[in-house]
């Protein structure tokens, strides 16, 4: 099915305050995150390349030893295997694109 509406995709809570809807293509996974103010995605890594785009809100993102405050329209490119964590300073809407597809989130 080539057309979807995010409201029709079940939302999952991965960790407290971190709610997500996943869209999968043959080769990529897109994660649409609704993050509550103060929510934290714990430190983790995965083999997938990740592009993180803040669509709304203020998100503190740490990749390796570098920490940045990302605001609407800002993007971070996270290499596969990089250790990273995120903290929602405000309510956030964030789009993550992963390559290759995240089979663990299907």
PDB file of N, CA and C in Angstrom:
ATOM      1  N   UNK A   1       0.855  -1.169   0.000  1.00  0.00           N
ATOM      2  CA  UNK A   1       0.000   0.000   0.000  1.00  0.00           C
ATOM      3  C   UNK A   1       0.907   1.241   0.000  1.00  0.00           C
ATOM      4  N   UNK A   2       0.851   2.059  -1.044  1.00  0.00           N
ATOM      5  CA  UNK A   2       1.774   3.195  -1.128  1.00  0.00           C
ATOM      6  C   UNK A   2       1.370   4.417  -0.310  1.00  0.00           C
ATOM      7  N   UNK A   3       0.119   4.481   0.165  1.00  0.00           N
ATOM      8  CA  UNK A   3      -0.337   5.665   0.877  1.00  0.00           C
ATOM      9  C   UNK A   3      -0.814   5.288   2.278  1.00  0.00           C
ATOM     10  N   UNK A   4      -0.346   6.046   3.263  1.00  0.00           N
ATOM     11  CA  UNK A   4      -0.702   5.798   4.649  1.00  0.00           C
ATOM     12  C   UNK A   4      -1.026   7.125   5.324  1.00  0.00           C
ATOM     13  N   UNK A   5      -1.754   7.070   6.410  1.00  0.00           N
ATOM     14  CA  UNK A   5      -1.966   8.229   7.275  1.00  0.00           C
ATOM     15  C   UNK A   5      -1.432   7.849   8.641  1.00  0.00           C
ATOM     16  N   UNK A   6      -0.615   8.726   9.231  1.00  0.00           N
ATOM     17  CA  UNK A   6      -0.006   8.391  10.520  1.00  0.00           C
ATOM     18  C   UNK A   6      -1.029   8.033  11.584  1.00  0.00           C
ATOM     19  N   UNK A   7      -2.196   8.680  11.560  1.00  0.00           N
ATOM     20  CA  UNK A   7      -3.217   8.388  12.573  1.00  0.00           C
ATOM     21  C   UNK A   7      -3.754   6.960  12.470  1.00  0.00           C
ATOM     22  N   UNK A   8      -3.565   6.314  11.320  1.00  0.00           N
ATOM     23  CA  UNK A   8      -4.037   4.940  11.132  1.00  0.00           C
ATOM     24  C   UNK A   8      -3.012   3.898  11.578  1.00  0.00           C
ATOM     25  N   UNK A   9      -1.816   4.343  11.927  1.00  0.00           N
ATOM     26  CA  UNK A   9      -0.754   3.432  12.355  1.00  0.00           C
ATOM     27  C   UNK A   9      -0.758   3.373  13.886  1.00  0.00           C
ATOM     28  N   UNK A  10      -0.830   2.188  14.463  1.00  0.00           N
ATOM     29  CA  UNK A  10      -0.831   2.098  15.926  1.00  0.00           C
ATOM     30  C   UNK A  10       0.429   2.721  16.524  1.00  0.00           C
ATOM     31  N   UNK A  11       0.236   3.483  17.583  1.00  0.00           N
ATOM     32  CA  UNK A  11       1.359   4.105  18.289  1.00  0.00           C
ATOM     33  C   UNK A  11       1.861   3.148  19.358  1.00  0.00           C
ATOM     34  N   UNK A  12       3.186   3.043  19.462  1.00  0.00           N
ATOM     35  CA  UNK A  12       3.807   2.197  20.470  1.00  0.00           C
ATOM     36  C   UNK A  12       4.612   3.073  21.425  1.00  0.00           C
ATOM     37  N   UNK A  13       4.683   2.674  22.680  1.00  0.00           N
ATOM     38  CA  UNK A  13       5.522   3.362  23.654  1.00  0.00           C
ATOM     39  C   UNK A  13       6.752   2.491  23.877  1.00  0.00           C
ATOM     40  N   UNK A  14       7.910   3.021  23.474  1.00  0.00           N
ATOM     41  CA  UNK A  14       9.158   2.255  23.551  1.00  0.00           C
ATOM     42  C   UNK A  14       9.751   2.344  24.961  1.00  0.00           C
ATOM     43  N   UNK A  15       9.802   3.537  25.500  1.00  0.00           N
ATOM     44  CA  UNK A  15      10.164   3.794  26.897  1.00  0.00           C
ATOM     45  C   UNK A  15       9.206   4.881  27.376  1.00  0.00           C
ATOM     46  N   UNK A  16       9.032   5.066  28.678  1.00  0.00           N
ATOM     47  CA  UNK A  16       8.073   6.059  29.154  1.00  0.00           C
ATOM     48  C   UNK A  16       8.299   7.434  28.505  1.00  0.00           C
ATOM     49  N   UNK A  17       7.222   8.010  27.991  1.00  0.00           N
ATOM     50  CA  UNK A  17       7.275   9.328  27.379  1.00  0.00           C
ATOM     51  C   UNK A  17       7.702   9.350  25.926  1.00  0.00           C
ATOM     52  N   UNK A  18       8.040   8.191  25.371  1.00  0.00           N
ATOM     53  CA  UNK A  18       8.544   8.101  23.989  1.00  0.00           C
ATOM     54  C   UNK A  18       7.593   7.229  23.166  1.00  0.00           C
ATOM     55  N   UNK A  19       6.719   7.890  22.417  1.00  0.00           N
ATOM     56  CA  UNK A  19       5.675   7.220  21.652  1.00  0.00           C
ATOM     57  C   UNK A  19       6.011   7.314  20.172  1.00  0.00           C
ATOM     58  N   UNK A  20       5.818   6.219  19.438  1.00  0.00           N
ATOM     59  CA  UNK A  20       6.311   6.183  18.061  1.00  0.00           C
ATOM     60  C   UNK A  20       5.359   5.413  17.157  1.00  0.00           C
ATOM     61  N   UNK A  21       5.336   5.837  15.908  1.00  0.00           N
ATOM     62  CA  UNK A  21       4.659   5.108  14.826  1.00  0.00           C
ATOM     63  C   UNK A  21       5.718   4.774  13.783  1.00  0.00           C
ATOM     64  N   UNK A  22       5.736   3.523  13.321  1.00  0.00           N
ATOM     65  CA  UNK A  22       6.751   3.076  12.367  1.00  0.00           C
ATOM     66  C   UNK A  22       6.144   2.888  10.984  1.00  0.00           C
ATOM     67  N   UNK A  23       6.902   3.305   9.977  1.00  0.00           N
ATOM     68  CA  UNK A  23       6.578   3.038   8.581  1.00  0.00           C
ATOM     69  C   UNK A  23       7.799   2.343   7.994  1.00  0.00           C
ATOM     70  N   UNK A  24       7.576   1.208   7.324  1.00  0.00           N
ATOM     71  CA  UNK A  24       8.674   0.432   6.750  1.00  0.00           C
ATOM     72  C   UNK A  24       8.534   0.365   5.237  1.00  0.00           C
ATOM     73  N   UNK A  25       9.643   0.597   4.550  1.00  0.00           N
ATOM     74  CA  UNK A  25       9.713   0.309   3.120  1.00  0.00           C
ATOM     75  C   UNK A  25      10.522  -0.978   2.982  1.00  0.00           C
ATOM     76  N   UNK A  26      10.866  -1.353   1.773  1.00  0.00           N
ATOM     77  CA  UNK A  26      11.672  -2.553   1.595  1.00  0.00           C
ATOM     78  C   UNK A  26      13.063  -2.404   2.209  1.00  0.00           C
ATOM     79  N   UNK A  27      13.596  -1.168   2.237  1.00  0.00           N
ATOM     80  CA  UNK A  27      14.978  -0.955   2.650  1.00  0.00           C
ATOM     81  C   UNK A  27      15.179   0.002   3.820  1.00  0.00           C
ATOM     82  N   UNK A  28      14.116   0.683   4.241  1.00  0.00           N
ATOM     83  CA  UNK A  28      14.256   1.698   5.273  1.00  0.00           C
ATOM     84  C   UNK A  28      13.125   1.614   6.286  1.00  0.00           C
ATOM     85  N   UNK A  29      13.378   2.192   7.465  1.00  0.00           N
ATOM     86  CA  UNK A  29      12.347   2.350   8.486  1.00  0.00           C
ATOM     87  C   UNK A  29      12.286   3.824   8.854  1.00  0.00           C
ATOM     88  N   UNK A  30      11.066   4.343   8.969  1.00  0.00           N
ATOM     89  CA  UNK A  30      10.830   5.717   9.395  1.00  0.00           C
ATOM     90  C   UNK A  30      10.086   5.666  10.725  1.00  0.00           C
ATOM     91  N   UNK A  31      10.608   6.388  11.705  1.00  0.00           N
ATOM     92  CA  UNK A  31      10.004   6.428  13.036  1.00  0.00           C
ATOM     93  C   UNK A  31       9.519   7.847  13.297  1.00  0.00           C
ATOM     94  N   UNK A  32       8.222   7.995  13.538  1.00  0.00           N
ATOM     95  CA  UNK A  32       7.613   9.283  13.849  1.00  0.00           C
ATOM     96  C   UNK A  32       7.374   9.317  15.351  1.00  0.00           C
ATOM     97  N   UNK A  33       8.222  10.072  16.058  1.00  0.00           N
ATOM     98  CA  UNK A  33       8.218  10.109  17.515  1.00  0.00           C
ATOM     99  C   UNK A  33       7.416  11.290  18.048  1.00  0.00           C
ATOM    100  N   UNK A  34       6.557  11.018  19.017  1.00  0.00           N
ATOM    101  CA  UNK A  34       5.945  12.039  19.862  1.00  0.00           C
ATOM    102  C   UNK A  34       6.583  11.862  21.236  1.00  0.00           C
ATOM    103  N   UNK A  35       7.376  12.853  21.629  1.00  0.00           N
ATOM    104  CA  UNK A  35       8.116  12.770  22.884  1.00  0.00           C
ATOM    105  C   UNK A  35       7.522  13.739  23.888  1.00  0.00           C
ATOM    106  N   UNK A  36       7.217  13.234  25.069  1.00  0.00           N
ATOM    107  CA  UNK A  36       6.729  14.086  26.144  1.00  0.00           C
ATOM    108  C   UNK A  36       7.884  14.947  26.657  1.00  0.00           C
ATOM    109  N   UNK A  37       7.562  16.132  27.172  1.00  0.00           N
ATOM    110  CA  UNK A  37       8.582  16.972  27.780  1.00  0.00           C
ATOM    111  C   UNK A  37       9.297  16.187  28.877  1.00  0.00           C
ATOM    112  N   UNK A  38      10.617  16.196  28.835  1.00  0.00           N
ATOM    113  CA  UNK A  38      11.423  15.497  29.832  1.00  0.00           C
ATOM    114  C   UNK A  38      11.727  14.047  29.498  1.00  0.00           C
ATOM    115  N   UNK A  39      11.124  13.500  28.443  1.00  0.00           N
ATOM    116  CA  UNK A  39      11.355  12.092  28.089  1.00  0.00           C
ATOM    117  C   UNK A  39      12.812  11.876  27.678  1.00  0.00           C
ATOM    118  N   UNK A  40      13.314  10.685  27.988  1.00  0.00           N
ATOM    119  CA  UNK A  40      14.694  10.339  27.659  1.00  0.00           C
ATOM    120  C   UNK A  40      14.714   9.013  26.909  1.00  0.00           C
ATOM    121  N   UNK A  41      15.374   9.015  25.760  1.00  0.00           N
ATOM    122  CA  UNK A  41      15.699   7.756  25.078  1.00  0.00           C
ATOM    123  C   UNK A  41      17.072   7.357  25.603  1.00  0.00           C
ATOM    124  N   UNK A  42      17.178   6.249  26.317  1.00  0.00           N
ATOM    125  CA  UNK A  42      18.441   5.881  26.961  1.00  0.00           C
ATOM    126  C   UNK A  42      19.563   5.663  25.939  1.00  0.00           C
ATOM    127  N   UNK A  43      20.768   5.746  26.440  1.00  0.00           N
ATOM    128  CA  UNK A  43      21.946   5.526  25.604  1.00  0.00           C
ATOM    129  C   UNK A  43      21.854   4.152  24.936  1.00  0.00           C
ATOM    130  N   UNK A  44      22.137   4.123  23.640  1.00  0.00           N
ATOM    131  CA  UNK A  44      22.067   2.878  22.884  1.00  0.00           C
ATOM    132  C   UNK A  44      22.843   3.033  21.587  1.00  0.00           C
ATOM    133  N   UNK A  45      22.990   1.938  20.876  1.00  0.00           N
ATOM    134  CA  UNK A  45      23.562   1.952  19.530  1.00  0.00           C
ATOM    135  C   UNK A  45      22.909   0.830  18.736  1.00  0.00           C
ATOM    136  N   UNK A  46      23.049   0.914  17.428  1.00  0.00           N
ATOM    137  CA  UNK A  46      22.526  -0.098  16.517  1.00  0.00           C
ATOM    138  C   UNK A  46      23.332  -0.005  15.228  1.00  0.00           C
ATOM    139  N   UNK A  47      23.316  -1.046  14.426  1.00  0.00           N
ATOM    140  CA  UNK A  47      24.138  -1.024  13.211  1.00  0.00           C
ATOM    141  C   UNK A  47      23.579  -0.129  12.096  1.00  0.00           C
ATOM    142  N   UNK A  48      22.369   0.357  12.258  1.00  0.00           N
ATOM    143  CA  UNK A  48      21.702   1.126  11.215  1.00  0.00           C
ATOM    144  C   UNK A  48      22.190   2.571  11.168  1.00  0.00           C
ATOM    145  N   UNK A  49      22.321   3.129   9.958  1.00  0.00           N
ATOM    146  CA  UNK A  49      22.496   4.569   9.816  1.00  0.00           C
ATOM    147  C   UNK A  49      21.177   5.221  10.205  1.00  0.00           C
ATOM    148  N   UNK A  50      21.254   6.410  10.800  1.00  0.00           N
ATOM    149  CA  UNK A  50      20.049   7.096  11.271  1.00  0.00           C
ATOM    150  C   UNK A  50      20.158   8.578  10.937  1.00  0.00           C
ATOM    151  N   UNK A  51      19.086   9.121  10.389  1.00  0.00           N
ATOM    152  CA  UNK A  51      18.985  10.559  10.179  1.00  0.00           C
ATOM    153  C   UNK A  51      17.823  11.040  11.032  1.00  0.00           C
ATOM    154  N   UNK A  52      18.116  11.942  11.959  1.00  0.00           N
ATOM    155  CA  UNK A  52      17.143  12.440  12.933  1.00  0.00           C
ATOM    156  C   UNK A  52      16.778  13.873  12.567  1.00  0.00           C
ATOM    157  N   UNK A  53      15.493  14.131  12.344  1.00  0.00           N
ATOM    158  CA  UNK A  53      15.011  15.465  12.003  1.00  0.00           C
ATOM    159  C   UNK A  53      14.008  15.924  13.043  1.00  0.00           C
ATOM    160  N   UNK A  54      14.267  17.069  13.670  1.00  0.00           N
ATOM    161  CA  UNK A  54      13.335  17.628  14.635  1.00  0.00           C
ATOM    162  C   UNK A  54      12.300  18.447  13.864  1.00  0.00           C
ATOM    163  N   UNK A  55      11.049  18.013  13.941  1.00  0.00           N
ATOM    164  CA  UNK A  55       9.960  18.703  13.244  1.00  0.00           C
ATOM    165  C   UNK A  55       9.304  19.747  14.142  1.00  0.00           C
ATOM    166  N   UNK A  56       9.277  19.487  15.443  1.00  0.00           N
ATOM    167  CA  UNK A  56       8.737  20.431  16.434  1.00  0.00           C
ATOM    168  C   UNK A  56       9.452  20.185  17.751  1.00  0.00           C
ATOM    169  N   UNK A  57       9.707  21.256  18.505  1.00  0.00           N
ATOM    170  CA  UNK A  57      10.250  21.131  19.842  1.00  0.00           C
ATOM    171  C   UNK A  57      11.753  21.304  19.920  1.00  0.00           C
ATOM    172  N   UNK A  58      12.278  21.088  21.118  1.00  0.00           N
ATOM    173  CA  UNK A  58      13.710  21.197  21.416  1.00  0.00           C
ATOM    174  C   UNK A  58      14.193  19.857  21.943  1.00  0.00           C
ATOM    175  N   UNK A  59      15.164  19.276  21.248  1.00  0.00           N
ATOM    176  CA  UNK A  59      15.676  17.946  21.569  1.00  0.00           C
ATOM    177  C   UNK A  59      17.174  18.015  21.800  1.00  0.00           C
ATOM    178  N   UNK A  60      17.609  17.585  22.977  1.00  0.00           N
ATOM    179  CA  UNK A  60      19.040  17.482  23.239  1.00  0.00           C
ATOM    180  C   UNK A  60      19.488  16.098  22.790  1.00  0.00           C
ATOM    181  N   UNK A  61      20.440  16.069  21.875  1.00  0.00           N
ATOM    182  CA  UNK A  61      20.909  14.807  21.304  1.00  0.00           C
ATOM    183  C   UNK A  61      22.403  14.678  21.566  1.00  0.00           C
ATOM    184  N   UNK A  62      22.799  13.543  22.105  1.00  0.00           N
ATOM    185  CA  UNK A  62      24.221  13.256  22.295  1.00  0.00           C
ATOM    186  C   UNK A  62      24.589  12.103  21.379  1.00  0.00           C
ATOM    187  N   UNK A  63      25.622  12.320  20.570  1.00  0.00           N
ATOM    188  CA  UNK A  63      26.167  11.284  19.698  1.00  0.00           C
ATOM    189  C   UNK A  63      27.637  11.170  20.047  1.00  0.00           C
ATOM    190  N   UNK A  64      28.028  10.011  20.568  1.00  0.00           N
ATOM    191  CA  UNK A  64      29.395   9.861  21.061  1.00  0.00           C
ATOM    192  C   UNK A  64      29.627  10.841  22.194  1.00  0.00           C
ATOM    193  N   UNK A  65      30.658  11.664  22.084  1.00  0.00           N
ATOM    194  CA  UNK A  65      30.992  12.648  23.121  1.00  0.00           C
ATOM    195  C   UNK A  65      30.401  14.025  22.835  1.00  0.00           C
ATOM    196  N   UNK A  66      29.720  14.204  21.695  1.00  0.00           N
ATOM    197  CA  UNK A  66      29.203  15.517  21.304  1.00  0.00           C
ATOM    198  C   UNK A  66      27.715  15.639  21.615  1.00  0.00           C
ATOM    199  N   UNK A  67      27.324  16.732  22.254  1.00  0.00           N
ATOM    200  CA  UNK A  67      25.932  17.001  22.595  1.00  0.00           C
ATOM    201  C   UNK A  67      25.504  18.298  21.928  1.00  0.00           C
ATOM    202  N   UNK A  68      24.310  18.277  21.331  1.00  0.00           N
ATOM    203  CA  UNK A  68      23.754  19.473  20.693  1.00  0.00           C
ATOM    204  C   UNK A  68      22.291  19.604  21.046  1.00  0.00           C
ATOM    205  N   UNK A  69      21.819  20.849  21.091  1.00  0.00           N
ATOM    206  CA  UNK A  69      20.397  21.121  21.225  1.00  0.00           C
ATOM    207  C   UNK A  69      19.857  21.349  19.825  1.00  0.00           C
ATOM    208  N   UNK A  70      18.954  20.475  19.398  1.00  0.00           N
ATOM    209  CA  UNK A  70      18.353  20.577  18.071  1.00  0.00           C
ATOM    210  C   UNK A  70      16.964  21.178  18.195  1.00  0.00           C
ATOM    211  N   UNK A  71      16.667  22.105  17.302  1.00  0.00           N
ATOM    212  CA  UNK A  71      15.351  22.738  17.257  1.00  0.00           C
ATOM    213  C   UNK A  71      14.712  22.442  15.907  1.00  0.00           C
ATOM    214  N   UNK A  72      13.458  22.873  15.747  1.00  0.00           N
ATOM    215  CA  UNK A  72      12.697  22.609  14.523  1.00  0.00           C
ATOM    216  C   UNK A  72      13.545  22.872  13.281  1.00  0.00           C
ATOM    217  N   UNK A  73      13.586  21.871  12.407  1.00  0.00           N
ATOM    218  CA  UNK A  73      14.306  21.993  11.151  1.00  0.00           C
ATOM    219  C   UNK A  73      15.748  21.539  11.195  1.00  0.00           C
ATOM    220  N   UNK A  74      16.259  21.212  12.373  1.00  0.00           N
ATOM    221  CA  UNK A  74      17.646  20.776  12.467  1.00  0.00           C
ATOM    222  C   UNK A  74      17.732  19.256  12.348  1.00  0.00           C
ATOM    223  N   UNK A  75      18.843  18.805  11.782  1.00  0.00           N
ATOM    224  CA  UNK A  75      19.026  17.403  11.426  1.00  0.00           C
ATOM    225  C   UNK A  75      20.359  16.909  11.981  1.00  0.00           C
ATOM    226  N   UNK A  76      20.370  15.660  12.431  1.00  0.00           N
ATOM    227  CA  UNK A  76      21.606  14.995  12.840  1.00  0.00           C
ATOM    228  C   UNK A  76      21.741  13.703  12.039  1.00  0.00           C
ATOM    229  N   UNK A  77      22.944  13.428  11.566  1.00  0.00           N
ATOM    230  CA  UNK A  77      23.242  12.185  10.862  1.00  0.00           C
ATOM    231  C   UNK A  77      24.074  11.333  11.817  1.00  0.00           C
ATOM    232  N   UNK A  78      23.527  10.178  12.167  1.00  0.00           N
ATOM    233  CA  UNK A  78      24.151   9.297  13.157  1.00  0.00           C
ATOM    234  C   UNK A  78      24.652   8.045  12.443  1.00  0.00           C
ATOM    235  N   UNK A  79      25.964   7.823  12.440  1.00  0.00           N
ATOM    236  CA  UNK A  79      26.491   6.633  11.759  1.00  0.00           C
ATOM    237  C   UNK A  79      26.083   5.346  12.472  1.00  0.00           C
ATOM    238  N   UNK A  80      26.013   4.270  11.730  1.00  0.00           N
ATOM    239  CA  UNK A  80      25.760   2.967  12.329  1.00  0.00           C
ATOM    240  C   UNK A  80      26.803   2.666  13.393  1.00  0.00           C
ATOM    241  N   UNK A  81      26.368   2.121  14.522  1.00  0.00           N
ATOM    242  CA  UNK A  81      27.264   1.751  15.608  1.00  0.00           C
ATOM    243  C   UNK A  81      27.573   2.866  16.586  1.00  0.00           C
ATOM    244  N   UNK A  82      27.175   4.111  16.278  1.00  0.00           N
ATOM    245  CA  UNK A  82      27.472   5.233  17.183  1.00  0.00           C
ATOM    246  C   UNK A  82      26.563   5.172  18.414  1.00  0.00           C
ATOM    247  N   UNK A  83      27.143   5.362  19.577  1.00  0.00           N
ATOM    248  CA  UNK A  83      26.375   5.413  20.821  1.00  0.00           C
ATOM    249  C   UNK A  83      25.700   6.785  20.892  1.00  0.00           C
ATOM    250  N   UNK A  84      24.399   6.789  21.195  1.00  0.00           N
ATOM    251  CA  UNK A  84      23.668   8.056  21.247  1.00  0.00           C
ATOM    252  C   UNK A  84      22.506   7.970  22.234  1.00  0.00           C
ATOM    253  N   UNK A  85      22.040   9.165  22.650  1.00  0.00           N
ATOM    254  CA  UNK A  85      20.919   9.292  23.568  1.00  0.00           C
ATOM    255  C   UNK A  85      20.207  10.604  23.255  1.00  0.00           C
ATOM    256  N   UNK A  86      18.936  10.695  23.646  1.00  0.00           N
ATOM    257  CA  UNK A  86      18.162  11.908  23.392  1.00  0.00           C
ATOM    258  C   UNK A  86      17.341  12.276  24.617  1.00  0.00           C
ATOM    259  N   UNK A  87      17.166  13.587  24.818  1.00  0.00           N
ATOM    260  CA  UNK A  87      16.373  14.118  25.930  1.00  0.00           C
ATOM    261  C   UNK A  87      15.472  15.212  25.375  1.00  0.00           C
ATOM    262  N   UNK A  88      14.155  15.032  25.504  1.00  0.00           N
ATOM    263  CA  UNK A  88      13.189  16.019  25.024  1.00  0.00           C
ATOM    264  C   UNK A  88      13.115  17.159  26.038  1.00  0.00           C
ATOM    265  N   UNK A  89      13.653  18.305  25.677  1.00  0.00           N
ATOM    266  CA  UNK A  89      13.603  19.480  26.552  1.00  0.00           C
ATOM    267  C   UNK A  89      12.169  20.003  26.621  1.00  0.00           C
ATOM    268  N   UNK A  90      11.480  19.954  25.479  1.00  0.00           N
ATOM    269  CA  UNK A  90      10.067  20.312  25.381  1.00  0.00           C
ATOM    270  C   UNK A  90       9.345  19.141  24.726  1.00  0.00           C
ATOM    271  N   UNK A  91       8.043  19.256  24.588  1.00  0.00           N
ATOM    272  CA  UNK A  91       7.306  18.284  23.781  1.00  0.00           C
ATOM    273  C   UNK A  91       7.903  18.327  22.375  1.00  0.00           C
ATOM    274  N   UNK A  92       8.168  17.158  21.800  1.00  0.00           N
ATOM    275  CA  UNK A  92       8.832  17.095  20.487  1.00  0.00           C
ATOM    276  C   UNK A  92       8.079  16.181  19.524  1.00  0.00           C
ATOM    277  N   UNK A  93       8.193  16.507  18.247  1.00  0.00           N
ATOM    278  CA  UNK A  93       7.788  15.617  17.164  1.00  0.00           C
ATOM    279  C   UNK A  93       9.026  15.456  16.293  1.00  0.00           C
ATOM    280  N   UNK A  94       9.506  14.210  16.190  1.00  0.00           N
ATOM    281  CA  UNK A  94      10.787  13.922  15.561  1.00  0.00           C
ATOM    282  C   UNK A  94      10.603  12.804  14.548  1.00  0.00           C
ATOM    283  N   UNK A  95      11.286  12.935  13.411  1.00  0.00           N
ATOM    284  CA  UNK A  95      11.293  11.884  12.394  1.00  0.00           C
ATOM    285  C   UNK A  95      12.698  11.301  12.321  1.00  0.00           C
ATOM    286  N   UNK A  96      12.794   9.988  12.530  1.00  0.00           N
ATOM    287  CA  UNK A  96      14.051   9.263  12.337  1.00  0.00           C
ATOM    288  C   UNK A  96      13.910   8.372  11.113  1.00  0.00           C
ATOM    289  N   UNK A  97      14.925   8.416  10.250  1.00  0.00           N
ATOM    290  CA  UNK A  97      14.995   7.507   9.105  1.00  0.00           C
ATOM    291  C   UNK A  97      16.171   6.571   9.338  1.00  0.00           C
ATOM    292  N   UNK A  98      15.941   5.271   9.173  1.00  0.00           N
ATOM    293  CA  UNK A  98      16.958   4.255   9.405  1.00  0.00           C
ATOM    294  C   UNK A  98      17.222   3.470   8.121  1.00  0.00           C
ATOM    295  N   UNK A  99      18.526   3.170   7.895  1.00  0.00           N
ATOM    296  CA  UNK A  99      18.906   2.288   6.800  1.00  0.00           C
ATOM    297  C   UNK A  99      19.953   1.334   7.345  1.00  0.00           C
ATOM    298  N   UNK A 100      19.820   0.036   7.076  1.00  0.00           N
ATOM    299  CA  UNK A 100      18.679  -0.612   6.418  1.00  0.00           C
ATOM    300  C   UNK A 100      17.474  -0.687   7.357  1.00  0.00           C
ATOM    301  N   UNK A 101      16.445  -1.358   6.886  1.00  0.00           N
ATOM    302  CA  UNK A 101      15.189  -1.473   7.635  1.00  0.00           C
ATOM    303  C   UNK A 101      15.453  -2.020   9.051  1.00  0.00           C
ATOM    304  N   UNK A 102      14.711  -1.510  10.025  1.00  0.00           N
ATOM    305  CA  UNK A 102      14.799  -1.983  11.404  1.00  0.00           C
ATOM    306  C   UNK A 102      13.860  -3.173  11.579  1.00  0.00           C
ATOM    307  N   UNK A 103      14.368  -4.357  11.369  1.00  0.00           N
ATOM    308  CA  UNK A 103      13.552  -5.561  11.528  1.00  0.00           C
ATOM    309  C   UNK A 103      13.049  -5.704  12.954  1.00  0.00           C
ATOM    310  N   UNK A 104      13.814  -5.184  13.942  1.00  0.00           N
ATOM    311  CA  UNK A 104      13.415  -5.284  15.338  1.00  0.00           C
ATOM    312  C   UNK A 104      12.182  -4.438  15.635  1.00  0.00           C
ATOM    313  N   UNK A 105      11.811  -3.517  14.746  1.00  0.00           N
ATOM    314  CA  UNK A 105      10.638  -2.683  14.947  1.00  0.00           C
ATOM    315  C   UNK A 105       9.467  -3.053  14.025  1.00  0.00           C
ATOM    316  N   UNK A 106       9.587  -4.106  13.267  1.00  0.00           N
ATOM    317  CA  UNK A 106       8.474  -4.511  12.385  1.00  0.00           C
ATOM    318  C   UNK A 106       7.330  -5.042  13.202  1.00  0.00           C
TER     319      UNK A 106
END
